[in-house]
Structures are given as C-alpha cells and as structure tokens.
Amino acid sequence: MDDFKLGFLLGLLVGEGHFGGDGRQPQITLRMHARHHRLFEWLTQNVPGSRLYGPYTHGGRNYYQWMLRGESLKKILPLLDTLPIAEISPVTYARYEKMKVEYGLSSDRKTKGS
C-alpha cells in the first residue's frame, strides 16, 4: 500500500473501526451507511482477505459491514503496527491493543502482558 492508501485506511479505522472478535478469532469491523458502497469496494480491493456483507436494513438503517478477520487480519498486523494509531487516537489504539492481547496476537510494539 502506498502512503495515501495507508493514511486513508488509518483514518477509516480510527473514525469507524471496531476491534474485537467472535470469541474464536479476532476481527476488525466497519459498519457504515449503504451510500458508502464504493468506499467498501475500495477496502475489499486494497485489503486482502477482507469481506463485505450486506446491504442490511435494520431498525430504519441501511448499511454494509466490512470485516477483516482470522488469518487475513493476522497477516496485516505488522502493517497496522507501523501506523501512528497511538499518536492520533489513544482510545482507538487501546481498543486495537486489547484485541491483540485477548486473541494472543504478536506485535512489534509492546503489548500488555508481553
């Protein structure tokens, strides 16, 4: 990924990302209005192994859900660890690190419990 794409991904993850998992595997999720469909297509084209689900209509909302999980997520962690998440959003960084600790994911940076 070039610098622009990395910066764009960083902005999406900081602004809209959810870091967690399903109890078995870690995942990063973005859920946004269906009008952002082209953005989600960009994500699936530029983040290998990511998947797009939807559109869903629920409670008057119309949205897509993008997910990166399992082995695909593990492969991109070294790249995500190079991004200045902690400097830009300590709250997002804490959620990101919590996901890594809960799922035993290694990191180039020090994580709680390492």
PDB file of N, CA and C in Angstrom:
ATOM      1  N   MET A   1       0.840  -1.189   0.000  1.00  0.00           N
ATOM      2  CA  MET A   1       0.000   0.000   0.000  1.00  0.00           C
ATOM      3  C   MET A   1       0.879   1.244   0.000  1.00  0.00           C
ATOM      4  N   ASP A   2       0.507   2.208  -0.813  1.00  0.00           N
ATOM      5  CA  ASP A   2       1.256   3.459  -0.805  1.00  0.00           C
ATOM      6  C   ASP A   2       0.829   4.307   0.402  1.00  0.00           C
ATOM      7  N   ASP A   3       1.522   5.426   0.608  1.00  0.00           N
ATOM      8  CA  ASP A   3       1.262   6.261   1.779  1.00  0.00           C
ATOM      9  C   ASP A   3      -0.168   6.794   1.828  1.00  0.00           C
ATOM     10  N   PHE A   4      -0.725   7.175   0.673  1.00  0.00           N
ATOM     11  CA  PHE A   4      -2.092   7.674   0.666  1.00  0.00           C
ATOM     12  C   PHE A   4      -3.061   6.598   1.147  1.00  0.00           C
ATOM     13  N   LYS A   5      -2.932   5.392   0.586  1.00  0.00           N
ATOM     14  CA  LYS A   5      -3.840   4.308   0.957  1.00  0.00           C
ATOM     15  C   LYS A   5      -3.710   3.955   2.435  1.00  0.00           C
ATOM     16  N   LEU A   6      -2.475   3.942   2.924  1.00  0.00           N
ATOM     17  CA  LEU A   6      -2.274   3.663   4.355  1.00  0.00           C
ATOM     18  C   LEU A   6      -2.928   4.736   5.216  1.00  0.00           C
ATOM     19  N   GLY A   7      -2.761   5.992   4.831  1.00  0.00           N
ATOM     20  CA  GLY A   7      -3.375   7.085   5.581  1.00  0.00           C
ATOM     21  C   GLY A   7      -4.891   7.025   5.552  1.00  0.00           C
ATOM     22  N   PHE A   8      -5.432   6.682   4.391  1.00  0.00           N
ATOM     23  CA  PHE A   8      -6.877   6.569   4.261  1.00  0.00           C
ATOM     24  C   PHE A   8      -7.409   5.429   5.135  1.00  0.00           C
ATOM     25  N   LEU A   9      -6.718   4.281   5.095  1.00  0.00           N
ATOM     26  CA  LEU A   9      -7.091   3.153   5.939  1.00  0.00           C
ATOM     27  C   LEU A   9      -7.011   3.538   7.414  1.00  0.00           C
ATOM     28  N   LEU A  10      -5.954   4.220   7.797  1.00  0.00           N
ATOM     29  CA  LEU A  10      -5.801   4.668   9.180  1.00  0.00           C
ATOM     30  C   LEU A  10      -6.976   5.542   9.601  1.00  0.00           C
ATOM     31  N   GLY A  11      -7.366   6.484   8.751  1.00  0.00           N
ATOM     32  CA  GLY A  11      -8.492   7.360   9.064  1.00  0.00           C
ATOM     33  C   GLY A  11      -9.788   6.587   9.242  1.00  0.00           C
ATOM     34  N   LEU A  12     -10.014   5.613   8.371  1.00  0.00           N
ATOM     35  CA  LEU A  12     -11.229   4.794   8.500  1.00  0.00           C
ATOM     36  C   LEU A  12     -11.225   3.985   9.792  1.00  0.00           C
ATOM     37  N   LEU A  13     -10.090   3.394  10.118  1.00  0.00           N
ATOM     38  CA  LEU A  13     -10.016   2.582  11.325  1.00  0.00           C
ATOM     39  C   LEU A  13     -10.178   3.426  12.581  1.00  0.00           C
ATOM     40  N   VAL A  14      -9.568   4.592  12.605  1.00  0.00           N
ATOM     41  CA  VAL A  14      -9.689   5.474  13.767  1.00  0.00           C
ATOM     42  C   VAL A  14     -11.110   6.003  13.889  1.00  0.00           C
ATOM     43  N   GLY A  15     -11.712   6.390  12.763  1.00  0.00           N
ATOM     44  CA  GLY A  15     -13.031   7.006  12.803  1.00  0.00           C
ATOM     45  C   GLY A  15     -14.184   6.044  12.938  1.00  0.00           C
ATOM     46  N   GLU A  16     -14.065   4.862  12.347  1.00  0.00           N
ATOM     47  CA  GLU A  16     -15.210   3.954  12.271  1.00  0.00           C
ATOM     48  C   GLU A  16     -14.926   2.531  12.730  1.00  0.00           C
ATOM     49  N   GLY A  17     -13.678   2.201  13.004  1.00  0.00           N
ATOM     50  CA  GLY A  17     -13.317   0.814  13.266  1.00  0.00           C
ATOM     51  C   GLY A  17     -13.744   0.278  14.613  1.00  0.00           C
ATOM     52  N   HIS A  18     -14.132  -0.978  14.605  1.00  0.00           N
ATOM     53  CA  HIS A  18     -14.400  -1.726  15.828  1.00  0.00           C
ATOM     54  C   HIS A  18     -13.389  -2.864  15.864  1.00  0.00           C
ATOM     55  N   PHE A  19     -12.717  -3.010  16.991  1.00  0.00           N
ATOM     56  CA  PHE A  19     -11.700  -4.042  17.152  1.00  0.00           C
ATOM     57  C   PHE A  19     -12.184  -5.030  18.195  1.00  0.00           C
ATOM     58  N   GLY A  20     -12.293  -6.280  17.822  1.00  0.00           N
ATOM     59  CA  GLY A  20     -12.794  -7.284  18.759  1.00  0.00           C
ATOM     60  C   GLY A  20     -12.663  -8.659  18.166  1.00  0.00           C
ATOM     61  N   GLY A  21     -13.703  -9.439  18.326  1.00  0.00           N
ATOM     62  CA  GLY A  21     -13.688 -10.785  17.800  1.00  0.00           C
ATOM     63  C   GLY A  21     -14.966 -11.507  18.155  1.00  0.00           C
ATOM     64  N   ASP A  22     -15.033 -12.744  17.716  1.00  0.00           N
ATOM     65  CA  ASP A  22     -16.235 -13.538  17.954  1.00  0.00           C
ATOM     66  C   ASP A  22     -16.012 -14.606  19.009  1.00  0.00           C
ATOM     67  N   GLY A  23     -14.925 -14.487  19.768  1.00  0.00           N
ATOM     68  CA  GLY A  23     -14.597 -15.485  20.775  1.00  0.00           C
ATOM     69  C   GLY A  23     -13.634 -16.540  20.276  1.00  0.00           C
ATOM     70  N   ARG A  24     -13.594 -16.726  18.957  1.00  0.00           N
ATOM     71  CA  ARG A  24     -12.683 -17.697  18.360  1.00  0.00           C
ATOM     72  C   ARG A  24     -11.570 -17.037  17.570  1.00  0.00           C
ATOM     73  N   GLN A  25     -11.909 -15.927  16.907  1.00  0.00           N
ATOM     74  CA  GLN A  25     -10.916 -15.254  16.069  1.00  0.00           C
ATOM     75  C   GLN A  25     -11.083 -13.744  16.158  1.00  0.00           C
ATOM     76  N   PRO A  26      -9.973 -13.021  16.015  1.00  0.00           N
ATOM     77  CA  PRO A  26     -10.033 -11.556  16.065  1.00  0.00           C
ATOM     78  C   PRO A  26     -10.664 -11.001  14.798  1.00  0.00           C
ATOM     79  N   GLN A  27     -11.206  -9.793  14.908  1.00  0.00           N
ATOM     80  CA  GLN A  27     -11.763  -9.151  13.723  1.00  0.00           C
ATOM     81  C   GLN A  27     -11.782  -7.643  13.876  1.00  0.00           C
ATOM     82  N   ILE A  28     -11.665  -6.987  12.731  1.00  0.00           N
ATOM     83  CA  ILE A  28     -11.877  -5.547  12.629  1.00  0.00           C
ATOM     84  C   ILE A  28     -13.118  -5.379  11.777  1.00  0.00           C
ATOM     85  N   THR A  29     -14.039  -4.543  12.251  1.00  0.00           N
ATOM     86  CA  THR A  29     -15.307  -4.346  11.565  1.00  0.00           C
ATOM     87  C   THR A  29     -15.547  -2.866  11.317  1.00  0.00           C
ATOM     88  N   LEU A  30     -16.031  -2.546  10.130  1.00  0.00           N
ATOM     89  CA  LEU A  30     -16.520  -1.208   9.809  1.00  0.00           C
ATOM     90  C   LEU A  30     -17.963  -1.350   9.376  1.00  0.00           C
ATOM     91  N   ARG A  31     -18.832  -0.579   9.974  1.00  0.00           N
ATOM     92  CA  ARG A  31     -20.246  -0.606   9.601  1.00  0.00           C
ATOM     93  C   ARG A  31     -20.638   0.832   9.276  1.00  0.00           C
ATOM     94  N   MET A  32     -21.085   1.023   8.030  1.00  0.00           N
ATOM     95  CA  MET A  32     -21.450   2.356   7.587  1.00  0.00           C
ATOM     96  C   MET A  32     -22.647   2.292   6.647  1.00  0.00           C
ATOM     97  N   HIS A  33     -23.269   3.436   6.454  1.00  0.00           N
ATOM     98  CA  HIS A  33     -24.445   3.561   5.603  1.00  0.00           C
ATOM     99  C   HIS A  33     -24.165   3.003   4.207  1.00  0.00           C
ATOM    100  N   ALA A  34     -25.204   2.453   3.599  1.00  0.00           N
ATOM    101  CA  ALA A  34     -25.080   1.839   2.273  1.00  0.00           C
ATOM    102  C   ALA A  34     -24.604   2.824   1.209  1.00  0.00           C
ATOM    103  N   ARG A  35     -24.782   4.113   1.432  1.00  0.00           N
ATOM    104  CA  ARG A  35     -24.307   5.094   0.444  1.00  0.00           C
ATOM    105  C   ARG A  35     -22.779   5.075   0.298  1.00  0.00           C
ATOM    106  N   HIS A  36     -22.080   4.410   1.211  1.00  0.00           N
ATOM    107  CA  HIS A  36     -20.618   4.304   1.163  1.00  0.00           C
ATOM    108  C   HIS A  36     -20.152   3.030   0.450  1.00  0.00           C
ATOM    109  N   HIS A  37     -21.017   2.440  -0.351  1.00  0.00           N
ATOM    110  CA  HIS A  37     -20.700   1.178  -1.014  1.00  0.00           C
ATOM    111  C   HIS A  37     -19.386   1.235  -1.788  1.00  0.00           C
ATOM    112  N   ARG A  38     -19.129   2.315  -2.509  1.00  0.00           N
ATOM    113  CA  ARG A  38     -17.876   2.402  -3.289  1.00  0.00           C
ATOM    114  C   ARG A  38     -16.652   2.406  -2.382  1.00  0.00           C
ATOM    115  N   LEU A  39     -16.768   3.016  -1.224  1.00  0.00           N
ATOM    116  CA  LEU A  39     -15.673   3.010  -0.259  1.00  0.00           C
ATOM    117  C   LEU A  39     -15.402   1.578   0.208  1.00  0.00           C
ATOM    118  N   PHE A  40     -16.463   0.833   0.468  1.00  0.00           N
ATOM    119  CA  PHE A  40     -16.301  -0.557   0.871  1.00  0.00           C
ATOM    120  C   PHE A  40     -15.684  -1.396  -0.244  1.00  0.00           C
ATOM    121  N   GLU A  41     -16.029  -1.118  -1.484  1.00  0.00           N
ATOM    122  CA  GLU A  41     -15.402  -1.817  -2.604  1.00  0.00           C
ATOM    123  C   GLU A  41     -13.902  -1.526  -2.630  1.00  0.00           C
ATOM    124  N   TRP A  42     -13.538  -0.268  -2.370  1.00  0.00           N
ATOM    125  CA  TRP A  42     -12.123   0.112  -2.311  1.00  0.00           C
ATOM    126  C   TRP A  42     -11.422  -0.697  -1.228  1.00  0.00           C
ATOM    127  N   LEU A  43     -12.049  -0.813  -0.073  1.00  0.00           N
ATOM    128  CA  LEU A  43     -11.449  -1.572   1.027  1.00  0.00           C
ATOM    129  C   LEU A  43     -11.222  -3.032   0.641  1.00  0.00           C
ATOM    130  N   THR A  44     -12.223  -3.666   0.062  1.00  0.00           N
ATOM    131  CA  THR A  44     -12.066  -5.075  -0.290  1.00  0.00           C
ATOM    132  C   THR A  44     -11.012  -5.276  -1.378  1.00  0.00           C
ATOM    133  N   GLN A  45     -10.829  -4.281  -2.237  1.00  0.00           N
ATOM    134  CA  GLN A  45      -9.802  -4.371  -3.275  1.00  0.00           C
ATOM    135  C   GLN A  45      -8.403  -4.135  -2.716  1.00  0.00           C
ATOM    136  N   ASN A  46      -8.297  -3.319  -1.668  1.00  0.00           N
ATOM    137  CA  ASN A  46      -6.984  -2.926  -1.154  1.00  0.00           C
ATOM    138  C   ASN A  46      -6.553  -3.631   0.120  1.00  0.00           C
ATOM    139  N   VAL A  47      -7.453  -4.338   0.758  1.00  0.00           N
ATOM    140  CA  VAL A  47      -7.112  -5.082   1.973  1.00  0.00           C
ATOM    141  C   VAL A  47      -7.391  -6.566   1.699  1.00  0.00           C
ATOM    142  N   PRO A  48      -6.350  -7.312   1.356  1.00  0.00           N
ATOM    143  CA  PRO A  48      -6.517  -8.722   1.002  1.00  0.00           C
ATOM    144  C   PRO A  48      -7.194  -9.521   2.110  1.00  0.00           C
ATOM    145  N   GLY A  49      -8.148 -10.349   1.696  1.00  0.00           N
ATOM    146  CA  GLY A  49      -8.829 -11.219   2.637  1.00  0.00           C
ATOM    147  C   GLY A  49     -10.008 -10.583   3.353  1.00  0.00           C
ATOM    148  N   SER A  50     -10.217  -9.285   3.139  1.00  0.00           N
ATOM    149  CA  SER A  50     -11.362  -8.636   3.783  1.00  0.00           C
ATOM    150  C   SER A  50     -12.628  -8.985   3.014  1.00  0.00           C
ATOM    151  N   ARG A  51     -13.757  -8.881   3.701  1.00  0.00           N
ATOM    152  CA  ARG A  51     -15.032  -9.257   3.084  1.00  0.00           C
ATOM    153  C   ARG A  51     -16.088  -8.205   3.367  1.00  0.00           C
ATOM    154  N   LEU A  52     -17.015  -8.080   2.449  1.00  0.00           N
ATOM    155  CA  LEU A  52     -18.114  -7.139   2.580  1.00  0.00           C
ATOM    156  C   LEU A  52     -19.419  -7.913   2.708  1.00  0.00           C
ATOM    157  N   TYR A  53     -20.231  -7.497   3.665  1.00  0.00           N
ATOM    158  CA  TYR A  53     -21.527  -8.126   3.906  1.00  0.00           C
ATOM    159  C   TYR A  53     -22.616  -7.068   3.804  1.00  0.00           C
ATOM    160  N   GLY A  54     -23.756  -7.470   3.280  1.00  0.00           N
ATOM    161  CA  GLY A  54     -24.882  -6.558   3.182  1.00  0.00           C
ATOM    162  C   GLY A  54     -25.260  -6.329   1.736  1.00  0.00           C
ATOM    163  N   PRO A  55     -26.120  -5.392   1.492  1.00  0.00           N
ATOM    164  CA  PRO A  55     -26.592  -4.397   2.458  1.00  0.00           C
ATOM    165  C   PRO A  55     -27.642  -4.988   3.398  1.00  0.00           C
ATOM    166  N   TYR A  56     -27.659  -4.433   4.591  1.00  0.00           N
ATOM    167  CA  TYR A  56     -28.629  -4.820   5.597  1.00  0.00           C
ATOM    168  C   TYR A  56     -29.572  -3.655   5.846  1.00  0.00           C
ATOM    169  N   THR A  57     -30.799  -3.979   6.161  1.00  0.00           N
ATOM    170  CA  THR A  57     -31.767  -2.968   6.589  1.00  0.00           C
ATOM    171  C   THR A  57     -32.280  -3.433   7.941  1.00  0.00           C
ATOM    172  N   HIS A  58     -32.071  -2.590   8.934  1.00  0.00           N
ATOM    173  CA  HIS A  58     -32.465  -2.964  10.284  1.00  0.00           C
ATOM    174  C   HIS A  58     -32.765  -1.702  11.076  1.00  0.00           C
ATOM    175  N   GLY A  59     -33.928  -1.650  11.678  1.00  0.00           N
ATOM    176  CA  GLY A  59     -34.285  -0.504  12.520  1.00  0.00           C
ATOM    177  C   GLY A  59     -34.249   0.817  11.776  1.00  0.00           C
ATOM    178  N   GLY A  60     -34.636   0.792  10.507  1.00  0.00           N
ATOM    179  CA  GLY A  60     -34.630   2.018   9.716  1.00  0.00           C
ATOM    180  C   GLY A  60     -33.262   2.398   9.165  1.00  0.00           C
ATOM    181  N   ARG A  61     -32.271   1.573   9.408  1.00  0.00           N
ATOM    182  CA  ARG A  61     -30.917   1.838   8.905  1.00  0.00           C
ATOM    183  C   ARG A  61     -30.628   0.930   7.720  1.00  0.00           C
ATOM    184  N   ASN A  62     -29.852   1.454   6.775  1.00  0.00           N
ATOM    185  CA  ASN A  62     -29.453   0.715   5.588  1.00  0.00           C
ATOM    186  C   ASN A  62     -27.933   0.770   5.550  1.00  0.00           C
ATOM    187  N   TYR A  63     -27.255  -0.372   5.763  1.00  0.00           N
ATOM    188  CA  TYR A  63     -25.804  -0.330   5.924  1.00  0.00           C
ATOM    189  C   TYR A  63     -25.121  -1.576   5.365  1.00  0.00           C
ATOM    190  N   TYR A  64     -23.806  -1.429   5.194  1.00  0.00           N
ATOM    191  CA  TYR A  64     -22.910  -2.532   4.863  1.00  0.00           C
ATOM    192  C   TYR A  64     -21.999  -2.758   6.057  1.00  0.00           C
ATOM    193  N   GLN A  65     -21.453  -3.958   6.102  1.00  0.00           N
ATOM    194  CA  GLN A  65     -20.480  -4.280   7.130  1.00  0.00           C
ATOM    195  C   GLN A  65     -19.267  -4.913   6.458  1.00  0.00           C
ATOM    196  N   TRP A  66     -18.114  -4.305   6.695  1.00  0.00           N
ATOM    197  CA  TRP A  66     -16.843  -4.799   6.166  1.00  0.00           C
ATOM    198  C   TRP A  66     -16.101  -5.465   7.306  1.00  0.00           C
ATOM    199  N   MET A  67     -15.490  -6.614   7.035  1.00  0.00           N
ATOM    200  CA  MET A  67     -14.766  -7.322   8.081  1.00  0.00           C
ATOM    201  C   MET A  67     -13.421  -7.829   7.589  1.00  0.00           C
ATOM    202  N   LEU A  68     -12.488  -7.762   8.494  1.00  0.00           N
ATOM    203  CA  LEU A  68     -11.169  -8.355   8.303  1.00  0.00           C
ATOM    204  C   LEU A  68     -10.938  -9.206   9.534  1.00  0.00           C
ATOM    205  N   ARG A  69     -10.741 -10.518   9.318  1.00  0.00           N
ATOM    206  CA  ARG A  69     -10.608 -11.386  10.479  1.00  0.00           C
ATOM    207  C   ARG A  69      -9.712 -12.575  10.205  1.00  0.00           C
ATOM    208  N   GLY A  70      -9.451 -13.307  11.253  1.00  0.00           N
ATOM    209  CA  GLY A  70      -8.680 -14.537  11.155  1.00  0.00           C
ATOM    210  C   GLY A  70      -7.286 -14.343  10.585  1.00  0.00           C
ATOM    211  N   GLU A  71      -6.900 -15.260   9.721  1.00  0.00           N
ATOM    212  CA  GLU A  71      -5.545 -15.233   9.156  1.00  0.00           C
ATOM    213  C   GLU A  71      -5.275 -13.963   8.347  1.00  0.00           C
ATOM    214  N   SER A  72      -6.281 -13.461   7.651  1.00  0.00           N
ATOM    215  CA  SER A  72      -6.096 -12.227   6.873  1.00  0.00           C
ATOM    216  C   SER A  72      -5.761 -11.064   7.788  1.00  0.00           C
ATOM    217  N   LEU A  73      -6.422 -10.994   8.931  1.00  0.00           N
ATOM    218  CA  LEU A  73      -6.116  -9.947   9.903  1.00  0.00           C
ATOM    219  C   LEU A  73      -4.707 -10.122  10.451  1.00  0.00           C
ATOM    220  N   LYS A  74      -4.348 -11.337  10.781  1.00  0.00           N
ATOM    221  CA  LYS A  74      -3.011 -11.592  11.330  1.00  0.00           C
ATOM    222  C   LYS A  74      -1.917 -11.180  10.353  1.00  0.00           C
ATOM    223  N   LYS A  75      -2.161 -11.376   9.055  1.00  0.00           N
ATOM    224  CA  LYS A  75      -1.158 -11.022   8.048  1.00  0.00           C
ATOM    225  C   LYS A  75      -0.947  -9.516   7.938  1.00  0.00           C
ATOM    226  N   ILE A  76      -1.993  -8.730   8.212  1.00  0.00           N
ATOM    227  CA  ILE A  76      -1.881  -7.281   8.058  1.00  0.00           C
ATOM    228  C   ILE A  76      -1.432  -6.582   9.351  1.00  0.00           C
ATOM    229  N   LEU A  77      -1.394  -7.312  10.469  1.00  0.00           N
ATOM    230  CA  LEU A  77      -0.994  -6.692  11.736  1.00  0.00           C
ATOM    231  C   LEU A  77       0.356  -5.985  11.684  1.00  0.00           C
ATOM    232  N   PRO A  78       1.391  -6.588  11.083  1.00  0.00           N
ATOM    233  CA  PRO A  78       2.670  -5.871  11.044  1.00  0.00           C
ATOM    234  C   PRO A  78       2.550  -4.505  10.350  1.00  0.00           C
ATOM    235  N   LEU A  79       1.715  -4.427   9.324  1.00  0.00           N
ATOM    236  CA  LEU A  79       1.488  -3.155   8.645  1.00  0.00           C
ATOM    237  C   LEU A  79       0.730  -2.193   9.561  1.00  0.00           C
ATOM    238  N   LEU A  80      -0.340  -2.671  10.191  1.00  0.00           N
ATOM    239  CA  LEU A  80      -1.112  -1.808  11.094  1.00  0.00           C
ATOM    240  C   LEU A  80      -0.251  -1.309  12.248  1.00  0.00           C
ATOM    241  N   ASP A  81       0.672  -2.153  12.697  1.00  0.00           N
ATOM    242  CA  ASP A  81       1.539  -1.752  13.812  1.00  0.00           C
ATOM    243  C   ASP A  81       2.501  -0.633  13.450  1.00  0.00           C
ATOM    244  N   THR A  82       2.709  -0.385  12.162  1.00  0.00           N
ATOM    245  CA  THR A  82       3.589   0.719  11.759  1.00  0.00           C
ATOM    246  C   THR A  82       2.847   2.056  11.722  1.00  0.00           C
ATOM    247  N   LEU A  83       1.518   2.015  11.771  1.00  0.00           N
ATOM    248  CA  LEU A  83       0.724   3.239  11.678  1.00  0.00           C
ATOM    249  C   LEU A  83       0.708   3.978  13.017  1.00  0.00           C
ATOM    250  N   PRO A  84       0.633   5.297  12.992  1.00  0.00           N
ATOM    251  CA  PRO A  84       0.668   6.085  14.235  1.00  0.00           C
ATOM    252  C   PRO A  84      -0.696   6.142  14.945  1.00  0.00           C
ATOM    253  N   ILE A  85      -1.288   4.976  15.160  1.00  0.00           N
ATOM    254  CA  ILE A  85      -2.612   4.927  15.786  1.00  0.00           C
ATOM    255  C   ILE A  85      -2.569   5.530  17.181  1.00  0.00           C
ATOM    256  N   ALA A  86      -1.571   5.180  17.966  1.00  0.00           N
ATOM    257  CA  ALA A  86      -1.478   5.666  19.355  1.00  0.00           C
ATOM    258  C   ALA A  86      -1.364   7.185  19.412  1.00  0.00           C
ATOM    259  N   GLU A  87      -0.623   7.766  18.478  1.00  0.00           N
ATOM    260  CA  GLU A  87      -0.429   9.205  18.480  1.00  0.00           C
ATOM    261  C   GLU A  87      -1.683   9.954  18.036  1.00  0.00           C
ATOM    262  N   ILE A  88      -2.433   9.368  17.136  1.00  0.00           N
ATOM    263  CA  ILE A  88      -3.620  10.028  16.588  1.00  0.00           C
ATOM    264  C   ILE A  88      -4.841   9.817  17.469  1.00  0.00           C
ATOM    265  N   SER A  89      -5.000   8.599  17.979  1.00  0.00           N
ATOM    266  CA  SER A  89      -6.185   8.290  18.793  1.00  0.00           C
ATOM    267  C   SER A  89      -5.838   7.257  19.856  1.00  0.00           C
ATOM    268  N   PRO A  90      -5.442   7.717  21.036  1.00  0.00           N
ATOM    269  CA  PRO A  90      -5.129   6.766  22.109  1.00  0.00           C
ATOM    270  C   PRO A  90      -6.292   5.814  22.427  1.00  0.00           C
ATOM    271  N   VAL A  91      -7.526   6.276  22.286  1.00  0.00           N
ATOM    272  CA  VAL A  91      -8.693   5.431  22.554  1.00  0.00           C
ATOM    273  C   VAL A  91      -8.753   4.279  21.542  1.00  0.00           C
ATOM    274  N   THR A  92      -8.573   4.588  20.270  1.00  0.00           N
ATOM    275  CA  THR A  92      -8.579   3.547  19.237  1.00  0.00           C
ATOM    276  C   THR A  92      -7.414   2.586  19.446  1.00  0.00           C
ATOM    277  N   TYR A  93      -6.250   3.147  19.758  1.00  0.00           N
ATOM    278  CA  TYR A  93      -5.071   2.311  19.989  1.00  0.00           C
ATOM    279  C   TYR A  93      -5.313   1.339  21.144  1.00  0.00           C
ATOM    280  N   ALA A  94      -5.952   1.803  22.204  1.00  0.00           N
ATOM    281  CA  ALA A  94      -6.234   0.938  23.351  1.00  0.00           C
ATOM    282  C   ALA A  94      -7.150  -0.213  22.943  1.00  0.00           C
ATOM    283  N   ARG A  95      -8.166   0.069  22.124  1.00  0.00           N
ATOM    284  CA  ARG A  95      -9.066  -0.986  21.650  1.00  0.00           C
ATOM    285  C   ARG A  95      -8.321  -1.977  20.755  1.00  0.00           C
ATOM    286  N   TYR A  96      -7.460  -1.456  19.896  1.00  0.00           N
ATOM    287  CA  TYR A  96      -6.651  -2.285  18.998  1.00  0.00           C
ATOM    288  C   TYR A  96      -5.737  -3.205  19.818  1.00  0.00           C
ATOM    289  N   GLU A  97      -5.051  -2.648  20.777  1.00  0.00           N
ATOM    290  CA  GLU A  97      -4.146  -3.439  21.612  1.00  0.00           C
ATOM    291  C   GLU A  97      -4.911  -4.459  22.449  1.00  0.00           C
ATOM    292  N   LYS A  98      -6.090  -4.095  22.955  1.00  0.00           N
ATOM    293  CA  LYS A  98      -6.906  -5.023  23.742  1.00  0.00           C
ATOM    294  C   LYS A  98      -7.292  -6.233  22.890  1.00  0.00           C
ATOM    295  N   MET A  99      -7.671  -5.991  21.637  1.00  0.00           N
ATOM    296  CA  MET A  99      -7.996  -7.093  20.738  1.00  0.00           C
ATOM    297  C   MET A  99      -6.785  -8.007  20.578  1.00  0.00           C
ATOM    298  N   LYS A 100      -5.616  -7.435  20.386  1.00  0.00           N
ATOM    299  CA  LYS A 100      -4.418  -8.245  20.188  1.00  0.00           C
ATOM    300  C   LYS A 100      -4.095  -9.072  21.433  1.00  0.00           C
ATOM    301  N   VAL A 101      -4.239  -8.476  22.598  1.00  0.00           N
ATOM    302  CA  VAL A 101      -3.968  -9.206  23.835  1.00  0.00           C
ATOM    303  C   VAL A 101      -4.987 -10.332  24.021  1.00  0.00           C
ATOM    304  N   GLU A 102      -6.270 -10.024  23.835  1.00  0.00           N
ATOM    305  CA  GLU A 102      -7.317 -11.024  24.039  1.00  0.00           C
ATOM    306  C   GLU A 102      -7.197 -12.216  23.100  1.00  0.00           C
ATOM    307  N   TYR A 103      -6.633 -11.998  21.915  1.00  0.00           N
ATOM    308  CA  TYR A 103      -6.524 -13.076  20.932  1.00  0.00           C
ATOM    309  C   TYR A 103      -5.088 -13.573  20.752  1.00  0.00           C
ATOM    310  N   GLY A 104      -4.186 -13.154  21.656  1.00  0.00           N
ATOM    311  CA  GLY A 104      -2.818 -13.659  21.631  1.00  0.00           C
ATOM    312  C   GLY A 104      -2.059 -13.327  20.371  1.00  0.00           C
ATOM    313  N   LEU A 105      -2.303 -12.120  19.836  1.00  0.00           N
ATOM    314  CA  LEU A 105      -1.629 -11.696  18.610  1.00  0.00           C
ATOM    315  C   LEU A 105      -0.332 -11.001  18.952  1.00  0.00           C
ATOM    316  N   SER A 106       0.724 -11.363  18.252  1.00  0.00           N
ATOM    317  CA  SER A 106       2.010 -10.727  18.500  1.00  0.00           C
ATOM    318  C   SER A 106       2.034  -9.354  17.859  1.00  0.00           C
ATOM    319  N   SER A 107       2.973  -8.560  18.326  1.00  0.00           N
ATOM    320  CA  SER A 107       3.097  -7.197  17.836  1.00  0.00           C
ATOM    321  C   SER A 107       4.551  -6.771  17.919  1.00  0.00           C
ATOM    322  N   ASP A 108       4.945  -5.886  17.003  1.00  0.00           N
ATOM    323  CA  ASP A 108       6.271  -5.292  17.092  1.00  0.00           C
ATOM    324  C   ASP A 108       6.353  -4.336  18.271  1.00  0.00           C
ATOM    325  N   ARG A 109       5.228  -3.756  18.630  1.00  0.00           N
ATOM    326  CA  ARG A 109       5.164  -2.843  19.764  1.00  0.00           C
ATOM    327  C   ARG A 109       4.891  -3.659  21.015  1.00  0.00           C
ATOM    328  N   LYS A 110       5.249  -3.107  22.146  1.00  0.00           N
ATOM    329  CA  LYS A 110       4.954  -3.767  23.425  1.00  0.00           C
ATOM    330  C   LYS A 110       3.456  -3.771  23.651  1.00  0.00           C
ATOM    331  N   THR A 111       2.928  -4.908  24.025  1.00  0.00           N
ATOM    332  CA  THR A 111       1.526  -5.008  24.380  1.00  0.00           C
ATOM    333  C   THR A 111       1.418  -5.450  25.825  1.00  0.00           C
ATOM    334  N   LYS A 112       0.328  -5.108  26.427  1.00  0.00           N
ATOM    335  CA  LYS A 112       0.076  -5.508  27.804  1.00  0.00           C
ATOM    336  C   LYS A 112       0.152  -7.026  27.887  1.00  0.00           C
ATOM    337  N   GLY A 113       0.939  -7.515  28.848  1.00  0.00           N
ATOM    338  CA  GLY A 113       1.047  -8.953  29.011  1.00  0.00           C
ATOM    339  C   GLY A 113       2.204  -9.551  28.241  1.00  0.00           C
ATOM    340  N   SER A 114       2.964  -8.731  27.479  1.00  0.00           N
ATOM    341  CA  SER A 114       4.110  -9.247  26.723  1.00  0.00           C
ATOM    342  C   SER A 114       5.380  -9.075  27.498  1.00  0.00           C
TER     343      SER A 114
END
